[in-house]
């Protein structure tokens, strides 16, 4: 089985490799979407727009926690994939072990700090007098679950780094099923409302994390968590944070952007906040599909880049962008046609349905472009290009979205407010793809020069031939 994974990463037809690696992740991501949609569905059934708005206001806190988990998961995954491509098994095991320990350490810090500063944080999130109590209940529970939320998110990425997309998907599936079962019990049977939804979310993450730990403990993985390998290895820490920080900055800025977005929405009304929450949760269907393809392609790119197979790297990227663009167009058309019916599933309040429908029909214009930009950004991360990865990570929300949001809202009011994200995603696709192709062209030129130099050096050429023969 372990040999089959390496064969898939190195030699399988590109389209097949992308599908085998990505579809389980996409299915797992769809399970993650259910986390969002199920909470929205059951909270919407309470018939209270204030609780629905509170769940949306709490989302930035959840995103920021996942950003920290993603910092470890993405950074360690990138280095693990490259280490496997370079045949450095022990270095990959050591990176996994260090990443695992960091998740628990950061999770504990988030729990303590979050609870201490709960009240001012809820105020910053944009809660009004009518929503602050509900938002505080939701966010408090999320902070209590800091370790399982963050570690669960990171461990799924670490499994995918070694090609175990199925194991990652199963973990996410178990967590979501737990959430689906517990949501109505805590919300309605125990009468906890929005606080019950948060408890169900935390317990779902805990179940997923427990599965991942058991998966490693039973030696069903290519890599192993080995406590004896833990150390403050400067190389590994540098690799994790040089790639992980740019990746997490993207999610941190997403959380900040959502805070600004919610505050602007609150300026219109709590109904708009609730409608924005419903529409963005529905949009997460497309976003998570594309995240699944990007995550599935990351180990393929990382392995083949480590093996210096640039032709395969280029083909993986081109096929990935084509697939995600087609999906984006189809999904955009579907959601546009059935927008009102779909938003009506999550709330029975006519005003919220109307606001959510208008916002959703604006946001779907992003869908044909999100996949390509995510794939380009994740590929730059997988190549270990820290500075370009940092630039791309801060560009979408920091350099484009926030300025456009403030400008368009000031000039065009509500219409500018809802069309800022599509304008951002078109620009981001053009920028990210241009940077990626520029990096690849440079890498190919460097590899060609090195190969040419070896041909001119008989000693080096003979060494390569001996190594190829031994392999």
Protein backbone atom coordinates (compact mmCIF):
# COMPACT_ATOMS: atom_id res chain seq x y z
CA UNK A 1 0.00 0.00 0.00
CA UNK A 2 2.82 2.40 0.92
CA UNK A 3 4.59 1.63 -2.36
CA UNK A 4 1.35 2.29 -4.23
CA UNK A 5 1.17 5.78 -2.71
CA UNK A 6 4.66 6.63 -3.95
CA UNK A 7 3.76 5.22 -7.38
CA UNK A 8 0.68 7.44 -7.46
CA UNK A 9 2.68 10.54 -6.55
CA UNK A 10 5.51 9.84 -8.99
CA UNK A 11 4.22 7.99 -12.05
CA UNK A 12 0.43 7.66 -12.35
CA UNK A 13 -1.27 9.54 -15.25
CA UNK A 14 -1.72 13.14 -14.11
CA UNK A 15 -5.50 13.36 -14.41
CA UNK A 16 -5.90 10.06 -12.56
CA UNK A 17 -3.43 11.15 -9.87
CA UNK A 18 -5.28 14.45 -9.35
CA UNK A 19 -8.63 12.68 -9.07
CA UNK A 20 -7.36 9.95 -6.75
CA UNK A 21 -5.66 12.49 -4.49
CA UNK A 22 -8.31 15.21 -4.72
CA UNK A 23 -11.71 13.53 -4.79
CA UNK A 24 -11.40 11.99 -1.31
CA UNK A 25 -10.27 15.38 -0.04
CA UNK A 26 -13.14 17.10 -1.85
CA UNK A 27 -15.57 14.64 -0.30
CA UNK A 28 -13.95 15.30 3.05
CA UNK A 29 -14.25 19.04 2.43
CA UNK A 30 -17.91 18.57 1.59
CA UNK A 31 -18.20 16.97 4.96
CA UNK A 32 -16.56 20.12 6.35
CA UNK A 33 -19.14 22.21 4.46
CA UNK A 34 -21.83 20.27 6.26
CA UNK A 35 -20.37 21.57 9.52
CA UNK A 36 -21.23 25.07 8.36
CA UNK A 37 -24.50 24.29 6.62
CA UNK A 38 -25.89 22.06 9.37
CA UNK A 39 -25.27 24.71 12.03
CA UNK A 40 -26.89 27.35 9.83
CA UNK A 41 -29.84 25.06 9.04
CA UNK A 42 -30.67 24.18 12.64
CA UNK A 43 -30.02 27.68 14.01
CA UNK A 44 -32.25 29.02 11.23
CA UNK A 45 -35.04 26.71 12.41
CA UNK A 46 -35.08 28.62 15.70
CA UNK A 47 -36.78 31.44 13.79
CA UNK A 48 -34.53 34.01 15.48
CA UNK A 49 -32.50 36.19 13.06
CA UNK A 50 -30.38 37.42 15.98
CA UNK A 51 -29.06 33.93 16.74
CA UNK A 52 -28.46 33.34 13.03
CA UNK A 53 -26.55 36.62 12.85
CA UNK A 54 -24.57 35.69 16.00
CA UNK A 55 -23.36 32.43 14.42
CA UNK A 56 -22.08 34.44 11.45
CA UNK A 57 -20.40 36.99 13.72
CA UNK A 58 -18.57 34.15 15.49
CA UNK A 59 -17.11 32.75 12.26
CA UNK A 60 -13.97 34.94 12.25
CA UNK A 61 -12.96 33.46 15.61
CA UNK A 62 -13.32 29.95 14.17
CA UNK A 63 -11.38 30.95 11.04
CA UNK A 64 -8.55 32.45 13.10
CA UNK A 65 -8.25 29.23 15.12
CA UNK A 66 -8.13 27.18 11.94
CA UNK A 67 -5.53 29.60 10.59
CA UNK A 68 -3.17 28.73 13.42
CA UNK A 69 -3.79 25.02 12.93
CA UNK A 70 -3.30 25.51 9.20
CA UNK A 71 -0.02 27.30 9.82
CA UNK A 72 1.38 24.10 11.30
CA UNK A 73 -0.45 21.75 8.93
CA UNK A 74 0.46 23.56 5.71
CA UNK A 75 4.06 24.28 6.65
CA UNK A 76 4.75 20.75 7.88
CA UNK A 77 2.89 19.17 4.95
CA UNK A 78 4.95 21.09 2.40
CA UNK A 79 8.22 19.96 3.99
CA UNK A 80 7.00 16.39 4.47
CA UNK A 81 6.06 16.05 0.78
CA UNK A 82 9.42 17.42 -0.33
CA UNK A 83 11.29 15.21 2.14
CA UNK A 84 9.51 12.12 0.82
CA UNK A 85 10.35 13.15 -2.74
CA UNK A 86 14.00 13.41 -1.69
CA UNK A 87 13.83 9.97 0.05
CA UNK A 88 14.33 11.48 3.53
CA UNK A 89 11.95 9.29 5.56
CA UNK A 90 13.27 10.11 9.04
CA UNK A 91 13.18 13.84 8.36
CA UNK A 92 9.54 13.46 7.34
CA UNK A 93 8.75 11.52 10.54
CA UNK A 94 10.48 14.15 12.62
CA UNK A 95 8.55 16.96 10.90
CA UNK A 96 5.27 15.15 11.59
CA UNK A 97 6.16 14.73 15.28
CA UNK A 98 7.14 18.37 15.74
CA UNK A 99 4.02 19.56 13.89
CA UNK A 100 1.81 17.41 16.11
CA UNK A 101 3.34 18.85 19.31
CA UNK A 102 3.06 22.43 18.08
CA UNK A 103 -0.68 22.02 17.45
CA UNK A 104 -1.36 21.11 21.07
CA UNK A 105 0.86 23.89 22.41
CA UNK A 106 -0.76 26.63 20.31
CA UNK A 107 -4.26 25.26 20.99
CA UNK A 108 -3.76 25.62 24.74
CA UNK A 109 -2.54 29.20 24.33
CA UNK A 110 -5.57 30.14 22.20
CA UNK A 111 -7.96 28.71 24.79
CA UNK A 112 -6.48 30.73 27.64
CA UNK A 113 -6.07 34.01 25.74
CA UNK A 114 -9.47 33.74 24.03
CA UNK A 115 -11.39 33.25 27.26
CA UNK A 116 -9.53 36.08 29.01
CA UNK A 117 -10.37 38.57 26.24
CA UNK A 118 -13.82 37.26 25.29
CA UNK A 119 -15.86 40.44 25.87
CA UNK A 120 -13.72 42.88 23.89
CA UNK A 121 -13.34 40.30 21.11
CA UNK A 122 -17.12 39.90 20.72
CA UNK A 123 -17.43 43.67 20.48
CA UNK A 124 -14.77 43.79 17.75
CA UNK A 125 -16.61 41.05 15.83
CA UNK A 126 -19.43 43.53 15.22
CA UNK A 127 -22.07 42.27 17.62
CA UNK A 128 -24.97 44.61 18.37
CA UNK A 129 -26.92 44.81 21.62
CA UNK A 130 -29.31 42.19 20.23
CA UNK A 131 -26.63 39.71 19.12
CA UNK A 132 -23.76 40.13 21.60
CA UNK A 133 -25.11 37.67 24.18
CA UNK A 134 -25.59 34.90 21.61
CA UNK A 135 -22.21 35.62 19.98
CA UNK A 136 -20.46 35.45 23.37
CA UNK A 137 -21.97 32.03 24.11
CA UNK A 138 -20.88 30.66 20.73
CA UNK A 139 -17.34 32.05 20.82
CA UNK A 140 -16.73 30.97 24.43
CA UNK A 141 -17.44 27.33 23.54
CA UNK A 142 -15.20 27.55 20.47
CA UNK A 143 -12.29 28.76 22.59
CA UNK A 144 -12.80 25.91 25.05
CA UNK A 145 -12.31 23.59 22.09
CA UNK A 146 -9.15 25.30 20.85
CA UNK A 147 -6.94 22.19 20.94
CA UNK A 148 -9.28 19.76 19.10
CA UNK A 149 -10.31 22.37 16.51
CA UNK A 150 -6.75 23.37 15.64
CA UNK A 151 -5.13 19.93 15.94
CA UNK A 152 -7.88 18.27 13.93
CA UNK A 153 -7.47 20.71 11.05
CA UNK A 154 -3.68 20.28 11.00
CA UNK A 155 -3.65 16.49 11.32
CA UNK A 156 -5.91 16.08 8.29
CA UNK A 157 -3.37 18.06 6.25
CA UNK A 158 -0.46 16.02 7.59
CA UNK A 159 -2.12 12.77 6.53
CA UNK A 160 -2.69 14.12 3.02
CA UNK A 161 0.99 15.10 2.80
CA UNK A 162 1.94 11.41 2.64
CA UNK A 163 -0.83 10.59 0.15
CA UNK A 164 -3.37 9.24 2.67
CA UNK A 165 -6.32 11.26 1.37
CA UNK A 166 -8.78 8.51 2.34
CA UNK A 167 -7.71 8.57 5.99
CA UNK A 168 -8.09 12.34 6.05
CA UNK A 169 -11.56 12.10 4.52
CA UNK A 170 -12.75 9.44 6.98
CA UNK A 171 -11.68 11.59 9.92
CA UNK A 172 -13.58 14.61 8.60
CA UNK A 173 -16.61 12.44 7.85
CA UNK A 174 -16.75 11.05 11.39
CA UNK A 175 -16.56 14.54 12.86
CA UNK A 176 -19.33 15.87 10.66
CA UNK A 177 -21.66 12.95 11.34
CA UNK A 178 -21.12 13.60 15.05
CA UNK A 179 -21.97 17.28 14.50
CA UNK A 180 -25.11 16.46 12.50
CA UNK A 181 -26.37 14.10 15.20
CA UNK A 182 -25.58 16.37 18.13
CA UNK A 183 -26.76 19.69 16.64
CA UNK A 184 -30.53 19.11 17.00
CA UNK A 185 -30.04 17.40 20.36
CA UNK A 186 -28.16 20.32 21.92
CA UNK A 187 -30.07 23.09 20.10
CA UNK A 188 -33.64 21.82 20.53
CA UNK A 189 -33.81 18.90 22.98
CA UNK A 190 -31.56 20.56 25.58
CA UNK A 191 -32.78 24.05 24.60
CA UNK A 192 -29.27 25.47 24.28
CA UNK A 193 -29.83 27.37 21.03
CA UNK A 194 -26.75 28.77 19.37
CA UNK A 195 -24.53 27.61 22.28
CA UNK A 196 -25.59 24.02 21.57
CA UNK A 197 -24.47 24.38 17.96
CA UNK A 198 -21.01 25.43 19.15
CA UNK A 199 -20.77 22.46 21.54
CA UNK A 200 -21.69 20.07 18.72
CA UNK A 201 -19.00 21.62 16.52
CA UNK A 202 -16.28 21.20 19.16
CA UNK A 203 -17.27 17.58 19.89
CA UNK A 204 -17.25 16.81 16.17
CA UNK A 205 -13.68 18.10 15.92
CA UNK A 206 -12.70 16.05 18.96
CA UNK A 207 -14.02 12.85 17.34
CA UNK A 208 -12.09 13.58 14.13
CA UNK A 209 -8.87 14.22 16.03
CA UNK A 210 -9.32 11.00 18.03
CA UNK A 211 -9.64 9.04 14.77
CA UNK A 212 -6.43 10.57 13.37
CA UNK A 213 -4.48 9.76 16.51
CA UNK A 214 -5.76 6.17 16.44
CA UNK A 215 -4.89 5.92 12.73
CA UNK A 216 -1.28 6.82 13.50
CA UNK A 217 -1.14 4.65 16.62
CA UNK A 218 -2.24 1.58 14.61
CA UNK A 219 0.64 2.13 12.11
CA UNK A 220 -1.69 2.48 9.12
CA UNK A 221 0.35 5.39 7.82
CA UNK A 222 3.55 5.84 5.85
CA UNK A 223 4.87 8.20 8.54
CA UNK A 224 4.79 7.83 12.31
CA UNK A 225 4.57 10.19 15.29
CA UNK A 226 7.73 9.37 17.24
CA UNK A 227 8.14 11.35 20.49
CA UNK A 228 11.84 10.43 20.64
CA UNK A 229 12.37 12.43 17.43
CA UNK A 230 11.01 15.65 18.91
CA UNK A 231 13.59 18.40 19.22
CA UNK A 232 13.90 22.11 18.51
CA UNK A 233 15.26 21.37 15.05
CA UNK A 234 16.02 24.77 13.49
CA UNK A 235 15.66 23.47 9.95
CA UNK A 236 12.23 21.95 10.53
CA UNK A 237 10.95 24.92 12.51
CA UNK A 238 12.16 27.24 9.77
CA UNK A 239 10.51 25.14 7.06
CA UNK A 240 7.21 24.91 8.98
CA UNK A 241 6.95 28.61 9.76
CA UNK A 242 8.45 30.00 6.54
CA UNK A 243 5.65 28.31 4.57
CA UNK A 244 3.05 27.99 7.33
CA UNK A 245 3.02 31.66 8.35
CA UNK A 246 2.26 32.91 4.83
CA UNK A 247 -0.45 30.26 4.51
CA UNK A 248 -1.95 31.15 7.90
CA UNK A 249 -1.75 34.86 7.13
CA UNK A 250 -4.19 34.19 4.31
CA UNK A 251 -6.71 32.76 6.77
CA UNK A 252 -5.92 35.39 9.40
CA UNK A 253 -6.63 38.09 6.86
CA UNK A 254 -9.77 36.20 5.86
CA UNK A 255 -10.89 36.39 9.47
CA UNK A 256 -10.03 40.11 9.66
CA UNK A 257 -11.82 40.73 6.36
CA UNK A 258 -14.90 38.92 7.65
CA UNK A 259 -14.85 41.08 10.78
CA UNK A 260 -14.78 44.23 8.62
CA UNK A 261 -17.44 42.74 6.35
CA UNK A 262 -19.72 41.95 9.28
CA UNK A 263 -19.25 45.40 10.77
CA UNK A 264 -20.21 47.01 7.46
CA UNK A 265 -23.18 44.64 7.15
CA UNK A 266 -24.27 45.52 10.69
CA UNK A 267 -24.34 49.14 9.56
CA UNK A 268 -27.13 48.17 7.15
CA UNK A 269 -29.02 45.91 9.62
CA UNK A 270 -28.85 42.66 11.58
CA UNK A 271 -31.02 41.19 8.78
CA UNK A 272 -28.18 41.85 6.32
CA UNK A 273 -25.72 40.24 8.76
CA UNK A 274 -27.94 37.14 8.90
CA UNK A 275 -28.35 37.11 5.10
CA UNK A 276 -24.61 37.48 4.63
CA UNK A 277 -24.08 34.52 6.93
CA UNK A 278 -26.46 32.32 4.96
CA UNK A 279 -25.01 33.29 1.57
CA UNK A 280 -21.38 32.86 2.61
CA UNK A 281 -22.13 29.42 4.09
CA UNK A 282 -23.70 28.40 0.77
CA UNK A 283 -20.69 29.82 -1.10
CA UNK A 284 -18.48 27.64 1.06
CA UNK A 285 -19.66 24.68 -1.05
CA UNK A 286 -17.60 25.96 -3.98
CA UNK A 287 -14.77 27.26 -1.84
CA UNK A 288 -14.25 23.93 -0.09
CA UNK A 289 -14.44 21.99 -3.37
CA UNK A 290 -11.57 24.09 -4.68
CA UNK A 291 -9.68 23.79 -1.41
CA UNK A 292 -10.01 20.02 -1.80
CA UNK A 293 -8.48 20.06 -5.28
CA UNK A 294 -5.71 22.40 -4.15
CA UNK A 295 -4.95 20.24 -1.12
CA UNK A 296 -5.02 17.09 -3.26
CA UNK A 297 -2.58 18.58 -5.76
CA UNK A 298 -0.17 19.88 -3.10
CA UNK A 299 1.55 16.55 -2.30
CA UNK A 300 1.68 15.72 -6.03
CA UNK A 301 3.44 19.01 -6.76
CA UNK A 302 5.68 18.80 -3.69
CA UNK A 303 6.83 15.24 -4.41
CA UNK A 304 7.56 15.83 -8.10
CA UNK A 305 9.26 19.15 -7.40
CA UNK A 306 11.50 17.38 -4.88
CA UNK A 307 12.21 14.74 -7.56
CA UNK A 308 12.97 17.50 -10.14
CA UNK A 309 10.20 16.30 -12.46
CA UNK A 310 9.14 19.74 -13.69
CA UNK A 311 7.21 18.45 -16.69
CA UNK A 312 4.88 16.55 -14.38
CA UNK A 313 4.59 19.54 -12.03
CA UNK A 314 3.48 21.77 -14.91
CA UNK A 315 0.95 19.23 -16.15
CA UNK A 316 -0.54 18.81 -12.67
CA UNK A 317 -1.08 22.57 -12.41
CA UNK A 318 -2.63 22.94 -15.87
CA UNK A 319 -5.02 20.04 -15.37
CA UNK A 320 -5.95 21.26 -11.90
CA UNK A 321 -6.80 24.77 -13.08
CA UNK A 322 -8.86 23.44 -15.98
CA UNK A 323 -10.87 21.09 -13.75
CA UNK A 324 -11.59 23.71 -11.07
CA UNK A 325 -12.54 26.38 -13.62
CA UNK A 326 -15.12 24.12 -15.25
CA UNK A 327 -16.58 23.20 -11.86
CA UNK A 328 -16.72 26.89 -10.94
CA UNK A 329 -18.73 27.84 -14.02
CA UNK A 330 -21.23 25.00 -13.55
CA UNK A 331 -21.69 25.71 -9.85
CA UNK A 332 -22.08 29.43 -10.45
CA UNK A 333 -24.90 28.84 -12.94
CA UNK A 334 -26.67 26.40 -10.63
CA UNK A 335 -26.55 28.63 -7.56
CA UNK A 336 -27.58 31.66 -9.58
CA UNK A 337 -30.70 30.00 -10.95
CA UNK A 338 -31.83 28.45 -7.66
CA UNK A 339 -30.52 31.11 -5.27
CA UNK A 340 -33.86 31.99 -3.64
CA UNK A 341 -34.92 28.37 -3.15
CA UNK A 342 -31.55 27.41 -1.69
CA UNK A 343 -31.36 30.32 0.77
CA UNK A 344 -34.93 29.58 1.83
CA UNK A 345 -33.84 26.17 3.11
CA UNK A 346 -31.81 27.83 5.87
CA UNK A 347 -34.24 30.45 7.14
CA UNK A 348 -37.97 31.05 7.08
CA UNK A 349 -37.66 34.81 7.64
CA UNK A 350 -38.62 36.49 4.32
CA UNK A 351 -36.36 39.51 4.86
CA UNK A 352 -33.33 37.29 5.50
CA UNK A 353 -34.12 35.16 2.43
CA UNK A 354 -34.31 38.28 0.26
CA UNK A 355 -31.02 39.69 1.55
CA UNK A 356 -29.25 36.32 1.26
CA UNK A 357 -30.46 35.82 -2.34
CA UNK A 358 -29.18 39.22 -3.49
CA UNK A 359 -25.80 38.69 -1.81
CA UNK A 360 -25.41 35.12 -3.09
CA UNK A 361 -26.06 36.10 -6.72
CA UNK A 362 -23.23 38.62 -6.45
CA UNK A 363 -20.76 36.30 -4.72
CA UNK A 364 -21.12 33.43 -7.21
CA UNK A 365 -19.31 35.49 -9.84
CA UNK A 366 -16.13 34.53 -7.95
CA UNK A 367 -16.55 30.78 -8.44
CA UNK A 368 -14.91 30.36 -11.88
CA UNK A 369 -11.75 32.04 -10.57
CA UNK A 370 -11.33 30.80 -6.98
CA UNK A 371 -10.09 27.32 -7.93
CA UNK A 372 -7.27 28.57 -10.15
CA UNK A 373 -6.05 31.10 -7.61
CA UNK A 374 -6.14 28.57 -4.76
CA UNK A 375 -4.27 26.00 -6.81
CA UNK A 376 -1.65 28.57 -7.82
CA UNK A 377 -1.14 29.76 -4.24
CA UNK A 378 -0.95 26.24 -2.76
CA UNK A 379 1.51 25.22 -5.50
CA UNK A 380 3.84 28.09 -4.62
CA UNK A 381 3.65 26.93 -0.99
CA UNK A 382 4.36 23.32 -2.02
CA UNK A 383 7.44 24.48 -3.94
CA UNK A 384 8.77 25.98 -0.71
CA UNK A 385 8.91 29.53 -2.12
CA UNK A 386 8.45 31.47 1.10
CA UNK A 387 8.44 35.08 -0.13
CA UNK A 388 6.10 34.57 -3.12
CA UNK A 389 3.88 32.43 -0.87
CA UNK A 390 3.81 35.26 1.66
CA UNK A 391 2.87 37.79 -1.00
CA UNK A 392 0.07 35.64 -2.40
CA UNK A 393 -1.24 34.87 1.07
CA UNK A 394 -1.65 38.51 2.01
CA UNK A 395 -2.80 39.69 -1.43
CA UNK A 396 -6.33 38.28 -1.65
CA UNK A 397 -7.73 39.71 1.58
CA UNK A 398 -5.13 42.32 2.53
CA UNK A 399 -4.01 44.00 -0.69
CA UNK A 400 -7.15 43.55 -2.80
CA UNK A 401 -10.32 42.70 -0.88
CA UNK A 402 -10.17 45.05 2.12
CA UNK A 403 -9.25 48.15 0.07
CA UNK A 404 -11.83 47.28 -2.60
CA UNK A 405 -14.49 46.56 0.02
CA UNK A 406 -14.01 49.91 1.74
CA UNK A 407 -13.74 51.82 -1.54
CA UNK A 408 -16.67 50.21 -3.36
CA UNK A 409 -18.90 50.37 -0.30
CA UNK A 410 -18.12 54.08 0.12
CA UNK A 411 -18.76 54.86 -3.56
CA UNK A 412 -21.59 52.47 -4.49
CA UNK A 413 -23.12 51.58 -1.12
CA UNK A 414 -24.70 48.13 -0.80
CA UNK A 415 -23.92 47.09 -4.40
CA UNK A 416 -20.26 47.94 -3.93
CA UNK A 417 -20.32 46.00 -0.66
CA UNK A 418 -21.53 42.76 -2.27
CA UNK A 419 -19.44 42.93 -5.49
CA UNK A 420 -16.09 43.59 -3.81
CA UNK A 421 -15.31 39.86 -3.44
CA UNK A 422 -15.88 38.91 -7.13
CA UNK A 423 -13.70 41.83 -8.25
CA UNK A 424 -11.00 40.66 -5.85
CA UNK A 425 -11.05 37.07 -7.08
CA UNK A 426 -10.66 38.00 -10.75
CA UNK A 427 -7.61 40.14 -9.92
CA UNK A 428 -6.20 37.46 -7.62
CA UNK A 429 -6.45 34.75 -10.26
CA UNK A 430 -4.46 36.84 -12.74
CA UNK A 431 -1.77 37.74 -10.19
CA UNK A 432 -1.33 34.28 -8.61
CA UNK A 433 -1.17 32.37 -11.90
CA UNK A 434 1.34 34.86 -13.35
CA UNK A 435 3.64 34.51 -10.32
CA UNK A 436 3.42 30.71 -10.39
CA UNK A 437 4.36 30.38 -14.06
CA UNK A 438 7.22 32.82 -13.59
CA UNK A 439 8.62 30.67 -10.75
CA UNK A 440 8.30 27.47 -12.77
CA UNK A 441 10.05 28.95 -15.81
CA UNK A 442 12.93 30.02 -13.58
CA UNK A 443 13.17 26.57 -11.95
CA UNK A 444 13.22 24.85 -15.34
CA UNK A 445 16.04 27.13 -16.54
CA UNK A 446 18.10 26.40 -13.40
CA UNK A 447 17.55 22.64 -13.75
CA UNK A 448 18.55 22.76 -17.42
CA UNK A 449 21.79 24.57 -16.59
CA UNK A 450 22.64 22.06 -13.85
CA UNK A 451 21.99 19.17 -16.20
CA UNK A 452 24.14 20.77 -18.87
CA UNK A 453 26.98 21.31 -16.39
CA UNK A 454 26.88 17.65 -15.37
CA UNK A 455 27.12 16.51 -18.99
CA UNK A 456 30.23 18.59 -19.34
CA UNK A 457 31.68 16.99 -16.18
CA UNK A 458 32.46 13.28 -16.81
CA UNK A 459 33.00 12.58 -13.08
CA UNK A 460 29.57 13.88 -12.08
CA UNK A 461 27.93 12.10 -15.01
CA UNK A 462 29.49 8.77 -14.02
CA UNK A 463 28.29 9.23 -10.42
CA UNK A 464 24.73 9.78 -11.63
CA UNK A 465 24.87 6.67 -13.80
CA UNK A 466 26.09 4.58 -10.86
CA UNK A 467 23.30 5.89 -8.62
CA UNK A 468 20.65 5.21 -11.28
CA UNK A 469 21.97 1.65 -11.65
CA UNK A 470 21.88 1.04 -7.88
CA UNK A 471 18.31 2.36 -7.65
